[in-house]
Every structure is written in C-alpha cells, then in structure tokens.
C-alpha cells in the first residue's frame, strides 16, 4: 500500500527519498538518508530497523546490491519486506519479499530507484522513474515530488493515500529537506505545497546553523 523512490542528484551530490501510503506516519518509518552516503527505503509491513542498518552498510562503503544482499540474508521475516537502496555512486538495488502477494513492482533509472506494493498496476514505479529522469537540472526534492505525482497519476495504490514524506540530505549531518504530511485527504498536494513554501527558506535554515552571524541582526 505504498509507493516510493530514492534518488541522487549527480550535479550536486544530494541524496533523497520520497514516499506516500494509505497508512499514517510514513515519514517516521520508511525513508532514511545520509549525506555523501546514500538512501534506503523500507516498506510493506515495514521493519524500521532495516533503514538504519542499510545506512550503516552504505557508510562502510558497501554497494546498493551488496546492501540488499546483507539486509535480506538470514532474516526470518524478510519475506514481508520491500526495499530500495541507492549508494554513493548512484548505484541502486531493490527487493520484494516472497510473502507480498499484491501487485508490486520496482524500476531503476539513472541515479534512482522506485518501488511499490498494493498498487493498481505494475507500471507505477517505471512512470515514477520517467518523471524523475525528465528534469535532471531541477532540485532533487522537486524531482522526487514529481516522481510521487507520476506514481499517483499512473494508478497509485488500491486505497486512498493519506500520508507522504520528502527527505533530502546534502553536505551537513542534518537533513536539507525533511517534510512530512501525516494524515491528509490529498497528501501529495499538501507535500507540494510544503515543498514550494519551504524551498525559498531552505538555504537560510542551513546558514543559521553553520554561520548565524552572516545573517546580520534580526528585524526590529
């Protein structure tokens, strides 16, 4: 009941993930990313532990396919899980557990990977990849949102989506973008509203962390 994608901007080196689902609080459970390292998505009867484990493996220099292999080996519950990984080189990998009986699919592109389960058709991830690749010069967050919007247009999932999340990391050890819609009748419209509202302030939020003096005195 979830569709999502991980991606890398080859121009800036940013990594990110975006996800939407008919469940609540998807942003706290599914997307994980680390600057200069990569990103991981874990979904379908989500095991939150797999995200941090995957990030740790990527930090150690493992490739995306090797991370998938490590996360799925000797794991008695892995049949319920769905994973997507992107590594520091933009390499990708995905996994579908054998206990997922709904329509599910995955697709890979240049520096991106999309997955979905309990979706209306198996074209949803490939349409997300097409949208992500269509605007290579746009901000990574914008490309990720476009990917989700394309997944919605291509069929979405079987139930009404209710939550969404957008996560992007760049040069700092804190997220550049971390936006979440927890429970909404139209979460992707709300996510786009949040992103377009946040984007003009984004650089200032980073500057006030690393160089607050450069912003001058506050307005009177």
Protein backbone atom coordinates (compact mmCIF):
# COMPACT_ATOMS: atom_id res chain seq x y z
CA UNK A 1 0.00 0.00 0.00
CA UNK A 2 3.00 2.25 -0.58
CA UNK A 3 4.94 3.69 -3.49
CA UNK A 4 8.24 5.49 -3.17
CA UNK A 5 11.58 6.31 -4.72
CA UNK A 6 15.18 7.03 -3.80
CA UNK A 7 17.33 9.32 -5.91
CA UNK A 8 20.64 11.11 -6.31
CA UNK A 9 21.44 14.43 -7.95
CA UNK A 10 24.65 13.84 -9.89
CA UNK A 11 25.17 17.58 -10.24
CA UNK A 12 25.13 18.42 -6.52
CA UNK A 13 25.68 15.05 -4.83
CA UNK A 14 22.41 15.27 -2.89
CA UNK A 15 20.59 12.09 -1.89
CA UNK A 16 16.94 11.72 -1.04
CA UNK A 17 13.79 9.67 -0.78
CA UNK A 18 10.08 10.33 -1.16
CA UNK A 19 7.20 8.09 -0.17
CA UNK A 20 3.42 8.02 0.11
CA UNK A 21 0.97 5.49 1.51
CA UNK A 22 -2.57 4.90 2.76
CA UNK A 23 -1.20 4.39 6.28
CA UNK A 24 -0.22 7.09 8.76
CA UNK A 25 3.22 8.44 9.68
CA UNK A 26 5.11 7.09 6.69
CA UNK A 27 7.87 9.66 7.12
CA UNK A 28 8.91 8.28 10.51
CA UNK A 29 9.14 4.67 9.34
CA UNK A 30 10.24 4.31 5.72
CA UNK A 31 12.82 6.82 4.31
CA UNK A 32 16.43 7.07 5.51
CA UNK A 33 19.35 9.02 4.03
CA UNK A 34 22.84 10.19 4.92
CA UNK A 35 24.82 12.94 3.21
CA UNK A 36 27.58 11.65 0.94
CA UNK A 37 26.48 8.07 1.54
CA UNK A 38 23.08 7.26 0.03
CA UNK A 39 19.49 6.44 0.92
CA UNK A 40 17.32 3.48 1.90
CA UNK A 41 13.58 2.80 1.78
CA UNK A 42 11.92 0.05 3.81
CA UNK A 43 8.20 -0.67 3.40
CA UNK A 44 5.38 -3.26 3.29
CA UNK A 45 4.89 -4.43 6.90
CA UNK A 46 7.78 -2.08 7.48
CA UNK A 47 10.77 -3.10 9.56
CA UNK A 48 12.14 0.27 10.70
CA UNK A 49 15.42 -1.37 11.73
CA UNK A 50 16.38 -2.09 8.13
CA UNK A 51 16.75 1.61 7.26
CA UNK A 52 19.49 2.43 9.79
CA UNK A 53 21.16 -0.92 9.13
CA UNK A 54 21.26 -0.14 5.43
CA UNK A 55 22.68 3.34 6.03
CA UNK A 56 25.41 1.83 8.22
CA UNK A 57 26.36 -0.59 5.46
CA UNK A 58 26.42 2.22 2.88
CA UNK A 59 28.61 4.26 5.24
CA UNK A 60 31.04 1.34 5.31
CA UNK A 61 31.30 1.58 1.51
CA UNK A 62 29.01 -1.28 0.50
CA UNK A 63 27.27 -1.02 -2.87
CA UNK A 64 23.48 -0.93 -3.15
CA UNK A 65 23.24 -4.58 -4.37
CA UNK A 66 25.51 -5.70 -1.54
CA UNK A 67 23.36 -3.83 0.99
CA UNK A 68 20.26 -5.56 -0.34
CA UNK A 69 22.01 -8.92 -0.06
CA UNK A 70 23.13 -8.22 3.50
CA UNK A 71 19.75 -6.97 4.70
CA UNK A 72 17.89 -9.95 3.24
CA UNK A 73 20.28 -12.72 4.36
CA UNK A 74 19.35 -14.87 7.35
CA UNK A 75 16.30 -12.74 8.13
CA UNK A 76 13.25 -14.85 9.02
CA UNK A 77 10.78 -12.00 8.42
CA UNK A 78 12.28 -10.62 5.20
CA UNK A 79 9.51 -12.17 3.10
CA UNK A 80 7.18 -9.39 4.25
CA UNK A 81 9.54 -6.55 3.35
CA UNK A 82 10.18 -4.35 0.33
CA UNK A 83 13.42 -2.38 0.00
CA UNK A 84 15.12 0.16 -2.26
CA UNK A 85 18.70 1.40 -1.89
CA UNK A 86 20.93 3.94 -3.62
CA UNK A 87 24.66 4.13 -2.90
CA UNK A 88 27.21 6.94 -3.07
CA UNK A 89 27.95 6.25 -6.75
CA UNK A 90 24.27 6.32 -7.71
CA UNK A 91 24.07 2.54 -7.96
CA UNK A 92 20.71 1.07 -6.99
CA UNK A 93 19.03 -2.12 -5.91
CA UNK A 94 15.59 -3.24 -4.77
CA UNK A 95 13.97 -6.26 -3.17
CA UNK A 96 10.47 -7.75 -2.92
CA UNK A 97 9.74 -10.36 -0.27
CA UNK A 98 8.06 -13.57 -1.39
CA UNK A 99 5.15 -13.07 1.00
CA UNK A 100 4.00 -9.91 -0.81
CA UNK A 101 1.00 -11.21 -2.77
CA UNK A 102 -0.39 -7.91 -4.03
CA UNK A 103 0.64 -6.23 -7.26
CA UNK A 104 4.14 -4.97 -6.60
CA UNK A 105 6.98 -3.77 -8.78
CA UNK A 106 10.28 -1.94 -8.92
CA UNK A 107 12.17 0.06 -11.52
CA UNK A 108 15.65 1.54 -11.77
CA UNK A 109 16.99 4.53 -13.70
CA UNK A 110 19.98 6.83 -13.75
CA UNK A 111 20.62 7.52 -10.07
CA UNK A 112 17.12 6.50 -9.00
CA UNK A 113 15.02 3.52 -7.97
CA UNK A 114 11.27 3.24 -7.36
CA UNK A 115 9.19 0.54 -5.67
CA UNK A 116 5.53 -0.03 -4.88
CA UNK A 117 3.23 -2.59 -3.28
CA UNK A 118 -0.55 -3.00 -3.23
CA UNK A 119 -0.55 -0.75 -6.31
CA UNK A 120 -3.14 -0.74 -9.07
CA UNK A 121 -0.70 -1.82 -11.79
CA UNK A 122 2.95 -2.73 -12.18
CA UNK A 123 3.71 0.38 -14.28
CA UNK A 124 3.61 2.76 -11.30
CA UNK A 125 7.35 2.56 -10.43
CA UNK A 126 8.51 2.89 -14.05
CA UNK A 127 6.37 6.01 -14.50
CA UNK A 128 7.94 7.45 -11.36
CA UNK A 129 11.40 6.85 -12.83
CA UNK A 130 10.40 8.53 -16.10
CA UNK A 131 9.26 11.62 -14.22
CA UNK A 132 12.40 11.75 -12.07
CA UNK A 133 14.68 11.48 -15.11
CA UNK A 134 12.71 14.04 -17.13
CA UNK A 135 14.02 17.09 -15.20
CA UNK A 136 17.70 16.36 -14.38
CA UNK A 137 18.51 20.03 -13.70
CA UNK A 138 15.72 20.57 -11.18
CA UNK A 139 16.33 20.42 -7.44
CA UNK A 140 16.42 16.83 -6.19
CA UNK A 141 13.46 17.44 -3.90
CA UNK A 142 11.40 18.69 -6.85
CA UNK A 143 12.32 15.62 -8.90
CA UNK A 144 11.31 13.32 -6.04
CA UNK A 145 7.95 15.06 -5.65
CA UNK A 146 7.40 14.80 -9.39
CA UNK A 147 8.11 11.09 -9.11
CA UNK A 148 5.40 10.63 -6.50
CA UNK A 149 2.96 12.69 -8.55
CA UNK A 150 3.66 10.48 -11.56
CA UNK A 151 3.04 7.39 -9.47
CA UNK A 152 -0.31 8.80 -8.40
CA UNK A 153 -1.25 9.60 -12.00
CA UNK A 154 -0.19 6.14 -13.17
CA UNK A 155 -2.60 4.38 -10.84
CA UNK A 156 -1.47 4.90 -7.25
CA UNK A 157 -2.32 2.21 -4.72
CA UNK A 158 -5.58 0.44 -4.04
CA UNK A 159 -6.59 2.58 -1.06
CA UNK A 160 -6.69 6.36 -0.72
CA UNK A 161 -3.24 7.67 0.13
CA UNK A 162 -3.14 9.56 3.43
CA UNK A 163 0.46 10.43 4.28
CA UNK A 164 3.64 11.38 2.46
CA UNK A 165 7.22 12.37 3.18
CA UNK A 166 10.15 14.03 1.44
CA UNK A 167 13.74 13.67 2.72
CA UNK A 168 16.87 15.18 1.12
CA UNK A 169 20.41 15.36 2.53
CA UNK A 170 23.36 17.31 1.20
CA UNK A 171 26.55 18.49 2.90
CA UNK A 172 25.51 18.53 6.56
CA UNK A 173 24.77 15.82 9.08
CA UNK A 174 21.19 17.10 9.32
CA UNK A 175 18.59 16.97 6.53
CA UNK A 176 18.39 19.74 3.97
CA UNK A 177 14.70 18.88 3.47
CA UNK A 178 12.54 16.83 5.83
CA UNK A 179 8.84 17.43 5.14
CA UNK A 180 6.00 15.19 6.26
CA UNK A 181 2.26 15.01 5.73
CA UNK A 182 0.92 12.75 8.45
CA UNK A 183 -2.82 12.43 7.71
CA UNK A 184 -4.46 14.24 4.82
CA UNK A 185 -7.09 13.60 2.18
CA UNK A 186 -4.69 14.77 -0.55
CA UNK A 187 -1.18 14.28 0.85
CA UNK A 188 0.74 14.84 -2.37
CA UNK A 189 -0.92 18.18 -2.97
CA UNK A 190 -0.06 19.10 0.62
CA UNK A 191 3.51 17.84 0.19
CA UNK A 192 3.95 20.00 -2.91
CA UNK A 193 2.56 22.99 -1.00
CA UNK A 194 5.02 22.38 1.84
CA UNK A 195 7.96 21.97 -0.55
CA UNK A 196 7.17 25.09 -2.55
CA UNK A 197 6.72 27.06 0.70
CA UNK A 198 9.91 25.67 2.23
CA UNK A 199 12.22 25.97 -0.79
CA UNK A 200 12.75 29.78 -0.67
CA UNK A 201 13.76 29.50 3.02
CA UNK A 202 15.85 26.35 2.69
CA UNK A 203 19.31 27.89 2.34
CA UNK A 204 18.67 30.29 5.21
CA UNK A 205 17.80 27.42 7.52
CA UNK A 206 21.20 25.87 6.77
CA UNK A 207 23.04 29.18 7.15
CA UNK A 208 21.51 29.91 10.53
CA UNK A 209 23.00 26.63 11.74
CA UNK A 210 26.53 26.91 10.37
CA UNK A 211 27.05 30.69 10.15
CA UNK A 212 24.32 32.61 12.03
CA UNK A 213 26.43 35.81 12.26
CA UNK A 214 26.32 36.20 8.49
CA UNK A 215 22.57 36.78 8.63
CA UNK A 216 23.02 40.07 10.48
CA UNK A 217 20.75 41.40 13.24
CA UNK A 218 17.14 40.24 13.38
CA UNK A 219 14.48 42.61 12.06
CA UNK A 220 13.20 45.14 14.59
